[in-house]
Amino acid sequence: MGKKIGKACLFIAILVAAVLIGSSIGTQFFKARYFKSLDDFEFIVVKENPVCPLHERAPSNFPIIVNTNEGSAAELRLYDTYHTYPLQIREDAEYGVMWMLGGKGWNGAAYPDNNYAHFSIQRDRMFKYNAEAARLFFCDECLKALRSLDPSCNFVVVDAYEMDNLKFYDIADIENTQIRHYSFIIEDKGYDLLTMEMHSSYFEGGKELDYLNKEDTSEMDKFYDYEELP
């Protein structure tokens, strides 16, 4: 009888240890927190040591829609670019199609032949900007820029053309925002959706706005050799 009790106690001890170790490993990588956003609570599960969704990505020719409460950053990708150099629009590309766009809390479509994109943000995913939520996803540099911007909600637009000089814009002021050759129009401030269009003047004289230094194109030469572009 004593041996049976001893074995049972040993089994229970091993089981408890396994549960504790598993719990420790789990909490090392994930944690769950509640953040109050206006009148609601939003449940977020995030990594303990997050990778900044803006700085740990390639530079982009296209404006980026960022959801600061959920750590999402997705391009408003309007044209094709070169695989080896994502800043350069492929002027010889042929489309004849549209493609879908989207991120956490928003979606839309790009119409490259007509030089515009149409997109909508879900009202039920728009909340007051929450610095505590943003801190779990973004690096100190981005958090400093967000504090300076003091956005009206958790959605902002970012120009990541120059990765060492990210520019942040409030979605509420998007109609007054010009990002190089991109401009914006608010179509509908409906109850369910905030609907907008982004237009590009790249093929109508706006391409010069894409050069890092319009007077010295060697700024672009250091990234790739024009002769070797596919």
Protein backbone atom coordinates (compact mmCIF):
# COMPACT_ATOMS: atom_id res chain seq x y z
CA MET A 1 0.00 0.00 0.00
CA GLY A 2 2.81 2.39 0.93
CA LYS A 3 4.54 1.82 -2.41
CA LYS A 4 1.31 2.52 -4.31
CA ILE A 5 0.78 5.78 -2.41
CA GLY A 6 4.38 6.74 -3.06
CA LYS A 7 4.04 6.11 -6.80
CA ALA A 8 0.79 8.08 -6.88
CA CYS A 9 2.42 11.03 -5.11
CA LEU A 10 5.38 10.90 -7.51
CA PHE A 11 3.03 10.87 -10.51
CA ILE A 12 1.10 13.87 -9.15
CA ALA A 13 4.35 15.74 -8.47
CA ILE A 14 5.58 15.13 -12.04
CA LEU A 15 2.20 16.24 -13.47
CA VAL A 16 2.18 19.45 -11.42
CA ALA A 17 5.76 20.22 -12.47
CA ALA A 18 4.88 19.71 -16.14
CA VAL A 19 1.90 22.07 -15.85
CA LEU A 20 4.00 24.75 -14.15
CA ILE A 21 6.78 24.50 -16.73
CA GLY A 22 4.25 24.68 -19.59
CA SER A 23 2.59 27.68 -18.02
CA SER A 24 5.95 29.41 -17.59
CA ILE A 25 6.89 28.80 -21.22
CA GLY A 26 3.50 30.04 -22.37
CA THR A 27 3.68 33.27 -20.42
CA GLN A 28 7.20 33.85 -21.67
CA PHE A 29 5.86 34.29 -25.19
CA PHE A 30 2.31 35.53 -24.74
CA LYS A 31 0.24 37.58 -22.39
CA ALA A 32 -3.34 38.80 -22.52
CA ARG A 33 -4.47 42.23 -21.47
CA TYR A 34 -7.61 44.32 -21.61
CA PHE A 35 -7.54 47.86 -22.88
CA LYS A 36 -10.43 50.24 -22.49
CA SER A 37 -11.33 51.95 -25.76
CA LEU A 38 -14.12 54.48 -25.46
CA ASP A 39 -17.03 52.53 -23.91
CA ASP A 40 -15.78 49.06 -24.78
CA PHE A 41 -13.04 46.66 -23.84
CA GLU A 42 -10.85 45.10 -26.47
CA PHE A 43 -9.07 41.81 -25.76
CA ILE A 44 -5.57 41.60 -27.17
CA VAL A 45 -3.07 38.72 -27.09
CA VAL A 46 0.45 39.84 -27.92
CA LYS A 47 4.02 38.62 -27.88
CA GLU A 48 6.13 39.47 -24.84
CA ASN A 49 8.92 40.88 -27.04
CA PRO A 50 7.16 42.23 -30.15
CA VAL A 51 8.79 43.11 -33.46
CA CYS A 52 7.87 46.64 -34.57
CA PRO A 53 5.50 46.20 -37.54
CA LEU A 54 6.87 49.37 -39.17
CA HIS A 55 10.63 49.22 -38.67
CA GLU A 56 11.01 45.48 -39.25
CA ARG A 57 9.79 45.67 -42.84
CA ALA A 58 11.06 46.81 -46.23
CA PRO A 59 10.55 50.45 -47.18
CA SER A 60 7.39 51.07 -49.17
CA ASN A 61 6.37 53.34 -52.00
CA PHE A 62 2.78 53.17 -50.77
CA PRO A 63 1.10 54.77 -47.76
CA ILE A 64 0.57 52.31 -44.92
CA ILE A 65 -2.59 52.00 -42.85
CA VAL A 66 -1.66 51.29 -39.23
CA ASN A 67 -3.99 50.01 -36.52
CA THR A 68 -2.09 51.00 -33.38
CA ASN A 69 -4.32 49.04 -30.99
CA GLU A 70 -3.72 45.75 -32.80
CA GLY A 71 -0.21 46.20 -34.18
CA SER A 72 -1.24 45.95 -37.83
CA ALA A 73 0.56 47.74 -40.69
CA ALA A 74 -0.60 47.07 -44.27
CA GLU A 75 0.15 48.85 -47.54
CA LEU A 76 -2.29 50.64 -49.78
CA ARG A 77 -0.51 48.88 -52.63
CA LEU A 78 -1.63 50.53 -55.85
CA TYR A 79 1.00 49.41 -58.39
CA ASP A 80 3.55 46.70 -59.02
CA THR A 81 7.10 47.41 -57.85
CA TYR A 82 10.44 45.72 -58.53
CA HIS A 83 11.10 42.74 -56.30
CA THR A 84 14.68 43.86 -55.71
CA TYR A 85 13.72 47.46 -55.01
CA PRO A 86 10.27 47.95 -53.49
CA LEU A 87 10.36 51.74 -53.80
CA GLN A 88 10.42 51.76 -57.60
CA ILE A 89 7.10 51.51 -59.44
CA ARG A 90 7.19 49.32 -62.55
CA GLU A 91 6.17 51.75 -65.27
CA ASP A 92 5.99 48.98 -67.89
CA ALA A 93 3.52 46.87 -65.90
CA GLU A 94 0.25 45.89 -67.57
CA TYR A 95 -2.74 45.33 -65.31
CA GLY A 96 -6.28 45.05 -66.60
CA VAL A 97 -7.26 43.82 -63.15
CA MET A 98 -7.97 45.04 -59.66
CA TRP A 99 -6.75 43.47 -56.43
CA MET A 100 -7.89 43.38 -52.85
CA LEU A 101 -6.30 45.34 -50.03
CA GLY A 102 -6.74 44.99 -46.30
CA GLY A 103 -5.48 44.87 -42.75
CA LYS A 104 -6.93 44.52 -39.27
CA GLY A 105 -10.14 46.55 -39.23
CA TRP A 106 -10.10 47.74 -42.85
CA ASN A 107 -10.30 46.47 -46.42
CA GLY A 108 -10.48 47.79 -49.93
CA ALA A 109 -9.42 47.36 -53.54
CA ALA A 110 -6.77 48.85 -55.84
CA TYR A 111 -7.50 49.91 -59.41
CA PRO A 112 -4.03 50.53 -60.91
CA ASP A 113 -5.29 51.25 -64.43
CA ASN A 114 -7.33 54.12 -62.98
CA ASN A 115 -4.61 55.23 -60.51
CA TYR A 116 -6.71 54.98 -57.37
CA ALA A 117 -7.59 52.71 -54.45
CA HIS A 118 -10.86 52.51 -52.56
CA PHE A 119 -10.90 51.42 -48.91
CA SER A 120 -13.07 51.44 -45.80
CA ILE A 121 -12.33 51.31 -42.07
CA GLN A 122 -14.85 49.52 -39.87
CA ARG A 123 -16.37 51.88 -37.32
CA ASP A 124 -16.58 49.11 -34.73
CA ARG A 125 -12.78 48.76 -34.92
CA MET A 126 -12.13 52.48 -34.47
CA PHE A 127 -11.31 53.49 -30.89
CA LYS A 128 -9.57 56.24 -29.05
CA TYR A 129 -5.79 55.98 -29.45
CA ASN A 130 -4.45 53.85 -26.59
CA ALA A 131 -0.78 54.43 -25.78
CA GLU A 132 -0.62 51.34 -23.56
CA ALA A 133 -1.84 49.12 -26.39
CA ALA A 134 0.57 50.70 -28.89
CA ARG A 135 3.47 50.16 -26.49
CA LEU A 136 3.05 46.40 -26.80
CA PHE A 137 3.61 46.44 -30.55
CA PHE A 138 5.74 49.42 -31.60
CA CYS A 139 9.32 50.49 -30.99
CA ASP A 140 10.30 53.57 -28.97
CA GLU A 141 10.85 55.66 -32.11
CA CYS A 142 7.33 54.96 -33.38
CA LEU A 143 5.82 55.54 -29.94
CA LYS A 144 7.53 58.92 -29.77
CA ALA A 145 6.11 59.86 -33.18
CA LEU A 146 2.63 58.73 -32.11
CA ARG A 147 2.84 60.78 -28.91
CA SER A 148 3.80 63.81 -30.96
CA LEU A 149 0.96 63.23 -33.42
CA ASP A 150 -1.61 62.52 -30.67
CA PRO A 151 -3.94 60.80 -33.16
CA SER A 152 -7.70 61.09 -32.90
CA CYS A 153 -8.14 57.30 -33.07
CA ASN A 154 -6.19 54.06 -33.36
CA PHE A 155 -5.87 54.30 -37.17
CA VAL A 156 -3.05 56.37 -38.65
CA VAL A 157 -1.40 56.62 -42.08
CA VAL A 158 2.38 56.26 -42.33
CA ASP A 159 4.76 57.14 -45.15
CA ALA A 160 7.56 54.53 -44.97
CA TYR A 161 9.39 55.63 -48.13
CA GLU A 162 12.40 56.63 -46.02
CA MET A 163 12.75 54.15 -43.18
CA ASP A 164 14.96 56.48 -41.18
CA ASN A 165 12.35 59.22 -41.47
CA LEU A 166 8.88 57.71 -41.07
CA LYS A 167 6.06 60.24 -41.32
CA PHE A 168 2.83 59.75 -39.36
CA TYR A 169 -0.55 61.26 -40.27
CA ASP A 170 -3.88 61.34 -38.46
CA ILE A 171 -6.65 59.54 -40.37
CA ALA A 172 -9.06 62.30 -39.29
CA ASP A 173 -7.01 64.84 -41.29
CA ILE A 174 -6.44 62.57 -44.27
CA GLU A 175 -8.12 64.87 -46.82
CA ASN A 176 -5.55 67.55 -46.04
CA THR A 177 -2.66 65.11 -46.33
CA GLN A 178 -0.39 64.82 -49.38
CA ILE A 179 2.08 61.91 -49.28
CA ARG A 180 4.38 62.50 -52.24
CA HIS A 181 2.11 61.83 -55.27
CA TYR A 182 -0.71 60.31 -53.18
CA SER A 183 -3.78 62.28 -52.10
CA PHE A 184 -6.94 61.23 -50.28
CA ILE A 185 -10.68 61.87 -50.44
CA ILE A 186 -13.22 60.89 -47.79
CA GLU A 187 -16.26 59.50 -49.60
CA ASP A 188 -18.54 58.58 -46.74
CA LYS A 189 -18.52 59.11 -42.98
CA GLY A 190 -21.19 56.51 -42.44
CA TYR A 191 -22.30 54.86 -39.23
CA ASP A 192 -20.72 51.50 -40.08
CA LEU A 193 -17.79 52.48 -42.31
CA LEU A 194 -15.39 55.36 -42.91
CA THR A 195 -14.86 55.13 -46.67
CA MET A 196 -12.01 56.80 -48.55
CA GLU A 197 -10.19 56.92 -51.86
CA MET A 198 -6.47 57.32 -52.46
CA HIS A 199 -5.38 58.81 -55.81
CA SER A 200 -1.92 58.89 -57.36
CA SER A 201 -0.53 61.43 -59.83
CA TYR A 202 2.58 59.31 -60.49
CA PHE A 203 1.81 58.92 -64.21
CA GLU A 204 0.67 62.53 -64.48
CA GLY A 205 3.89 64.27 -63.52
CA GLY A 206 4.06 63.15 -59.90
CA LYS A 207 6.82 60.56 -60.29
CA GLU A 208 9.52 63.09 -59.44
CA LEU A 209 8.16 63.20 -55.90
CA ASP A 210 9.40 59.63 -55.40
CA TYR A 211 13.11 60.35 -55.68
CA LEU A 212 14.86 60.61 -52.34
CA ASN A 213 16.85 63.51 -53.74
CA LYS A 214 15.46 64.85 -56.99
CA GLU A 215 18.69 66.75 -57.75
CA ASP A 216 20.93 63.73 -57.21
CA THR A 217 19.65 60.35 -58.39
CA SER A 218 22.75 58.62 -56.98
CA GLU A 219 20.65 58.35 -53.82
CA MET A 220 18.71 55.68 -55.70
CA ASP A 221 21.72 54.21 -57.49
CA LYS A 222 23.13 52.99 -54.18
CA PHE A 223 20.18 50.63 -53.82
CA TYR A 224 20.30 48.96 -57.22
CA ASP A 225 21.76 49.04 -60.71
CA TYR A 226 19.22 50.26 -63.24
CA GLU A 227 20.69 47.99 -65.93
CA GLU A 228 20.05 44.88 -63.86
CA LEU A 229 16.39 45.46 -63.12
CA PRO A 230 14.26 42.50 -64.28
